Amino acid sequence: MRNLSRLMLARIAFRSFFLQSSWNYRGMMSMGFLYAISPALDQIHQSTHAREGAYLRHLEYFNTNPYFSSIVMGVTLALEERLSRGEIGEDIIHDTKEGLMTACAAVGDGLFWDSWRPFIAVAALTFAFGNYLMTPLIFLALYNLPHLYFRFAGVYWGYREGTHVIRSLRGFRFPQIRQNLRYGTMIMLAYLIPNHVNLHTPYLLTNLPLEYFYFGEKVVQGIGALFLVTLGTIAYRARIDVLMISFLLMVCALVFFHWGILI
């Protein structure tokens, strides 16, 4: 039986935005976690002694991806209700919370910061090169839509499904999503390089007639872009981070500029 209202869960999801406001090296996000779920703990545990025990229990070490933290909060509150009815012991809450925070940290960090953020950043660049003044707002909107979805929906999933929430998360196929986002990032980089980078090609096009020079430059730009994207794809399959690949592309551009090949 679930006793917390949807309004209470929405309140917890909102308070989860302050998860890292009291971040510290001893408990990491523990104080923010307790702050977020404290209204629900007050409702679940009526006696002062039980409430104090719950507060101390959740001041233990806690660290996970902030966007997925609400899932852990929902599961924790479902277990706290079972504890208040005497169905489980405190060790179940501790072990479940520790396992979930580790899993959510791995999935959330890999999804949002390692895959989604580079993808949206490169997508925003395509708008920026088109001189769209709303590009920063487009970036923020696109980036935060899935974040807000998991932030608010996660607490409902966790509270409703309890420890079975992992089955719901598996349905998203996060590894496949991450791989598709990474390939999408590489494809957009492949679009940006030939369309927004001009190449000097004096070594190849010196003897071309003027009427063929523009076409020849485009061909060389396409070949150069294909070469760079191929190298980037090989680097990705070698498990080099997408951000590192982007950095290496920037270094290549600086070297080519120094040699007079790029302008």
Protein backbone atom coordinates (compact mmCIF):
# COMPACT_ATOMS: atom_id res chain seq x y z
CA MET A 1 0.00 0.00 0.00
CA ARG A 2 1.35 3.41 -1.01
CA ASN A 3 0.60 6.39 1.21
CA LEU A 4 2.50 9.27 -0.43
CA SER A 5 0.49 11.48 -2.78
CA ARG A 6 1.59 12.50 -6.27
CA LEU A 7 1.88 16.06 -5.01
CA MET A 8 4.35 14.90 -2.34
CA LEU A 9 6.37 13.00 -4.95
CA ALA A 10 6.43 16.07 -7.21
CA ARG A 11 7.67 18.09 -4.25
CA ILE A 12 10.48 15.60 -3.70
CA ALA A 13 11.40 15.74 -7.39
CA PHE A 14 11.61 19.53 -7.19
CA ARG A 15 13.74 19.40 -4.04
CA SER A 16 16.09 16.99 -5.82
CA PHE A 17 17.38 19.99 -7.82
CA PHE A 18 19.22 20.97 -4.64
CA LEU A 19 20.89 17.58 -4.31
CA GLN A 20 24.40 19.03 -4.59
CA SER A 21 23.84 22.28 -2.70
CA SER A 22 25.51 20.82 0.41
CA TRP A 23 27.98 18.58 -1.39
CA ASN A 24 30.87 17.52 0.84
CA TYR A 25 33.74 15.05 0.78
CA ARG A 26 32.43 13.01 3.71
CA GLY A 27 28.93 12.20 2.52
CA MET A 28 29.03 13.61 -1.03
CA MET A 29 25.32 14.20 -1.78
CA SER A 30 23.95 12.76 1.45
CA MET A 31 22.71 16.05 2.92
CA GLY A 32 20.99 17.00 -0.33
CA PHE A 33 19.43 13.53 -0.54
CA LEU A 34 18.07 13.83 2.99
CA TYR A 35 16.78 17.34 2.28
CA ALA A 36 14.88 16.09 -0.76
CA ILE A 37 13.12 13.16 0.93
CA SER A 38 12.70 14.65 4.43
CA PRO A 39 9.04 15.75 3.92
CA ALA A 40 8.13 12.19 2.96
CA LEU A 41 10.11 10.73 5.88
CA ASP A 42 8.18 13.00 8.26
CA GLN A 43 4.94 11.62 6.87
CA ILE A 44 6.02 7.97 6.87
CA HIS A 45 7.54 7.87 10.37
CA GLN A 46 5.22 9.35 12.95
CA SER A 47 7.31 8.75 16.07
CA THR A 48 10.26 11.00 16.84
CA HIS A 49 12.58 8.04 17.44
CA ALA A 50 11.79 6.42 14.07
CA ARG A 51 12.16 9.76 12.31
CA GLU A 52 15.56 10.41 13.87
CA GLY A 53 16.69 6.94 12.84
CA ALA A 54 15.61 7.59 9.26
CA TYR A 55 17.43 10.93 9.18
CA LEU A 56 20.66 9.38 10.46
CA ARG A 57 20.28 6.47 8.04
CA HIS A 58 20.23 8.79 5.05
CA LEU A 59 23.15 10.92 6.17
CA GLU A 60 25.40 8.06 5.12
CA TYR A 61 27.56 8.32 2.00
CA PHE A 62 25.54 8.89 -1.17
CA ASN A 63 26.77 9.75 -4.66
CA THR A 64 25.08 9.17 -8.01
CA ASN A 65 24.07 10.94 -11.20
CA PRO A 66 21.87 13.92 -10.17
CA TYR A 67 19.37 13.32 -12.97
CA PHE A 68 18.75 9.72 -11.92
CA SER A 69 18.80 10.46 -8.19
CA SER A 70 15.01 10.78 -8.05
CA ILE A 71 14.71 7.09 -9.02
CA VAL A 72 16.77 6.16 -5.96
CA MET A 73 14.64 8.51 -3.85
CA GLY A 74 11.42 6.85 -4.99
CA VAL A 75 12.69 3.33 -4.27
CA THR A 76 14.07 4.44 -0.90
CA LEU A 77 10.73 5.91 0.16
CA ALA A 78 8.90 2.73 -0.88
CA LEU A 79 11.30 0.73 1.30
CA GLU A 80 10.92 3.20 4.18
CA GLU A 81 7.17 2.56 4.13
CA ARG A 82 7.78 -1.20 4.28
CA LEU A 83 10.21 -0.63 7.16
CA SER A 84 7.59 1.37 9.06
CA ARG A 85 5.23 -1.61 8.73
CA GLY A 86 7.89 -4.01 9.99
CA GLU A 87 8.18 -5.92 6.70
CA ILE A 88 11.94 -5.40 6.17
CA GLY A 89 15.02 -4.36 8.13
CA GLU A 90 17.25 -1.32 7.81
CA ASP A 91 19.97 -3.34 6.07
CA ILE A 92 17.67 -3.86 3.06
CA ILE A 93 17.36 -0.10 2.62
CA HIS A 94 21.11 0.39 2.95
CA ASP A 95 22.03 -2.36 0.47
CA THR A 96 19.37 -1.42 -2.07
CA LYS A 97 20.24 2.25 -1.95
CA GLU A 98 23.95 1.53 -2.36
CA GLY A 99 23.37 -0.75 -5.34
CA LEU A 100 20.97 1.62 -7.05
CA MET A 101 23.14 4.70 -6.64
CA THR A 102 26.06 2.87 -8.27
CA ALA A 103 23.94 1.63 -11.19
CA CYS A 104 22.28 5.01 -11.73
CA ALA A 105 25.65 6.77 -11.61
CA ALA A 106 27.03 4.51 -14.36
CA VAL A 107 23.95 4.77 -16.58
CA GLY A 108 23.26 8.48 -15.99
CA ASP A 109 26.83 9.71 -16.40
CA GLY A 110 27.32 7.66 -19.55
CA LEU A 111 24.01 8.72 -21.05
CA PHE A 112 23.84 12.42 -20.26
CA TRP A 113 27.42 13.64 -19.92
CA ASP A 114 29.27 11.24 -22.18
CA SER A 115 26.72 10.92 -25.01
CA TRP A 116 23.74 13.29 -24.88
CA ARG A 117 25.68 16.48 -24.05
CA PRO A 118 28.23 16.14 -26.92
CA PHE A 119 25.40 15.24 -29.31
CA ILE A 120 23.33 18.31 -28.38
CA ALA A 121 26.43 20.54 -28.38
CA VAL A 122 27.26 19.55 -31.97
CA ALA A 123 23.59 19.89 -32.96
CA ALA A 124 23.56 23.40 -31.48
CA LEU A 125 26.64 24.25 -33.56
CA THR A 126 24.65 23.58 -36.73
CA PHE A 127 22.18 26.25 -35.60
CA ALA A 128 24.97 28.59 -34.56
CA PHE A 129 26.59 28.42 -38.00
CA GLY A 130 23.20 29.36 -39.41
CA ASN A 131 23.26 32.56 -37.29
CA TYR A 132 20.23 31.59 -35.20
CA LEU A 133 20.17 33.92 -32.20
CA MET A 134 18.08 31.41 -30.24
CA THR A 135 20.83 28.76 -30.40
CA PRO A 136 21.71 28.93 -26.65
CA LEU A 137 18.04 28.50 -25.74
CA ILE A 138 17.69 25.65 -28.24
CA PHE A 139 20.67 23.93 -26.63
CA LEU A 140 19.26 24.33 -23.12
CA ALA A 141 15.79 23.16 -24.15
CA LEU A 142 16.99 20.07 -26.03
CA TYR A 143 19.46 19.10 -23.34
CA ASN A 144 17.04 19.47 -20.44
CA LEU A 145 13.96 17.77 -21.89
CA PRO A 146 15.12 14.20 -21.10
CA HIS A 147 16.76 15.43 -17.91
CA LEU A 148 13.49 16.86 -16.60
CA TYR A 149 11.61 13.76 -17.72
CA PHE A 150 13.82 11.42 -15.71
CA ARG A 151 13.97 13.87 -12.81
CA PHE A 152 10.19 13.95 -12.32
CA ALA A 153 9.10 10.59 -13.73
CA GLY A 154 11.90 8.75 -11.94
CA VAL A 155 10.57 9.39 -8.46
CA TYR A 156 7.15 7.98 -9.49
CA TRP A 157 8.71 4.88 -11.04
CA GLY A 158 10.88 4.22 -8.04
CA TYR A 159 8.08 4.71 -5.55
CA ARG A 160 5.52 2.68 -7.50
CA GLU A 161 7.74 -0.23 -8.57
CA GLY A 162 10.23 -0.35 -5.70
CA THR A 163 13.19 -2.60 -6.36
CA HIS A 164 11.60 -3.77 -9.64
CA VAL A 165 12.34 -0.38 -11.23
CA ILE A 166 15.45 -1.88 -12.83
CA ARG A 167 13.19 -3.76 -15.23
CA SER A 168 11.68 -0.47 -16.40
CA LEU A 169 15.12 1.04 -16.93
CA ARG A 170 16.22 -1.96 -18.99
CA GLY A 171 13.41 -1.20 -21.40
CA PHE A 172 15.17 1.99 -22.49
CA ARG A 173 18.20 0.04 -23.81
CA PHE A 174 20.61 2.71 -22.67
CA PRO A 175 23.75 1.09 -24.18
CA GLN A 176 22.13 1.17 -27.62
CA ILE A 177 20.98 4.77 -27.12
CA ARG A 178 24.49 5.81 -26.10
CA GLN A 179 26.01 4.14 -29.15
CA ASN A 180 23.48 5.77 -31.50
CA LEU A 181 24.11 9.19 -29.96
CA ARG A 182 27.85 8.80 -30.40
CA TYR A 183 27.46 7.81 -34.04
CA GLY A 184 25.05 10.73 -34.48
CA THR A 185 27.68 13.08 -33.06
CA MET A 186 30.25 11.78 -35.53
CA ILE A 187 27.81 12.19 -38.44
CA MET A 188 27.08 15.81 -37.55
CA LEU A 189 30.80 16.50 -37.23
CA ALA A 190 31.14 15.03 -40.71
CA TYR A 191 28.55 17.55 -41.89
CA LEU A 192 30.14 20.53 -40.15
CA ILE A 193 33.71 19.96 -41.32
CA PRO A 194 33.21 20.19 -45.11
CA ASN A 195 30.49 22.83 -44.89
CA HIS A 196 32.15 25.23 -42.48
CA VAL A 197 35.89 24.70 -42.98
CA ASN A 198 37.70 26.18 -45.98
CA LEU A 199 40.74 24.35 -47.27
CA HIS A 200 43.71 25.78 -49.10
CA THR A 201 44.90 23.13 -51.51
CA PRO A 202 47.83 24.69 -53.38
CA TYR A 203 49.65 21.35 -53.64
CA LEU A 204 46.81 19.70 -55.55
CA LEU A 205 45.04 22.47 -57.44
CA THR A 206 47.82 24.76 -58.66
CA ASN A 207 47.46 23.69 -62.29
CA LEU A 208 43.66 23.53 -62.43
CA PRO A 209 41.84 26.05 -64.65
CA LEU A 210 40.04 28.74 -62.67
CA GLU A 211 36.59 27.47 -63.68
CA TYR A 212 37.34 24.10 -62.05
CA PHE A 213 39.05 25.47 -58.95
CA TYR A 214 35.89 25.83 -56.84
CA PHE A 215 34.72 22.32 -57.72
CA GLY A 216 38.19 20.93 -56.98
CA GLU A 217 38.28 22.59 -53.58
CA LYS A 218 34.90 21.07 -52.70
CA VAL A 219 36.15 17.62 -53.70
CA VAL A 220 39.25 18.03 -51.55
CA GLN A 221 37.15 19.29 -48.65
CA GLY A 222 34.91 16.24 -48.91
CA ILE A 223 37.88 13.88 -49.06
CA GLY A 224 39.47 15.62 -46.07
CA ALA A 225 36.23 15.44 -44.11
CA LEU A 226 35.81 11.75 -44.95
CA PHE A 227 39.39 11.09 -43.85
CA LEU A 228 38.92 12.90 -40.52
CA VAL A 229 35.57 11.24 -39.81
CA THR A 230 37.06 7.84 -40.63
CA LEU A 231 39.84 8.50 -38.14
CA GLY A 232 37.24 9.65 -35.61
CA THR A 233 35.18 6.49 -36.14
CA ILE A 234 38.26 4.32 -35.69
CA ALA A 235 39.10 6.24 -32.52
CA TYR A 236 35.55 5.77 -31.25
CA ARG A 237 35.60 2.04 -31.89
CA ALA A 238 38.90 1.98 -30.00
CA ARG A 239 36.86 3.32 -27.04
CA ILE A 240 38.34 6.81 -27.08
CA ASP A 241 35.92 9.32 -25.56
CA VAL A 242 33.92 11.49 -27.99
CA LEU A 243 35.06 14.65 -26.21
CA MET A 244 38.67 13.54 -26.64
CA ILE A 245 38.02 12.89 -30.33
CA SER A 246 36.62 16.42 -30.68
CA PHE A 247 39.69 17.80 -28.93
CA LEU A 248 42.01 15.86 -31.28
CA LEU A 249 40.11 17.23 -34.29
CA MET A 250 40.69 20.74 -32.94
CA VAL A 251 44.40 20.01 -32.55
CA CYS A 252 44.53 18.74 -36.15
CA ALA A 253 42.83 21.92 -37.32
CA LEU A 254 45.41 24.07 -35.51
CA VAL A 255 48.28 22.08 -37.02
CA PHE A 256 46.83 22.37 -40.53
CA PHE A 257 46.29 26.09 -40.01
CA HIS A 258 49.93 26.44 -39.01
CA TRP A 259 50.96 24.66 -42.20
CA GLY A 260 48.80 26.96 -44.31
CA ILE A 261 46.40 24.20 -45.39
CA LEU A 262 43.39 25.42 -43.40
CA ILE A 263 41.90 28.90 -43.24
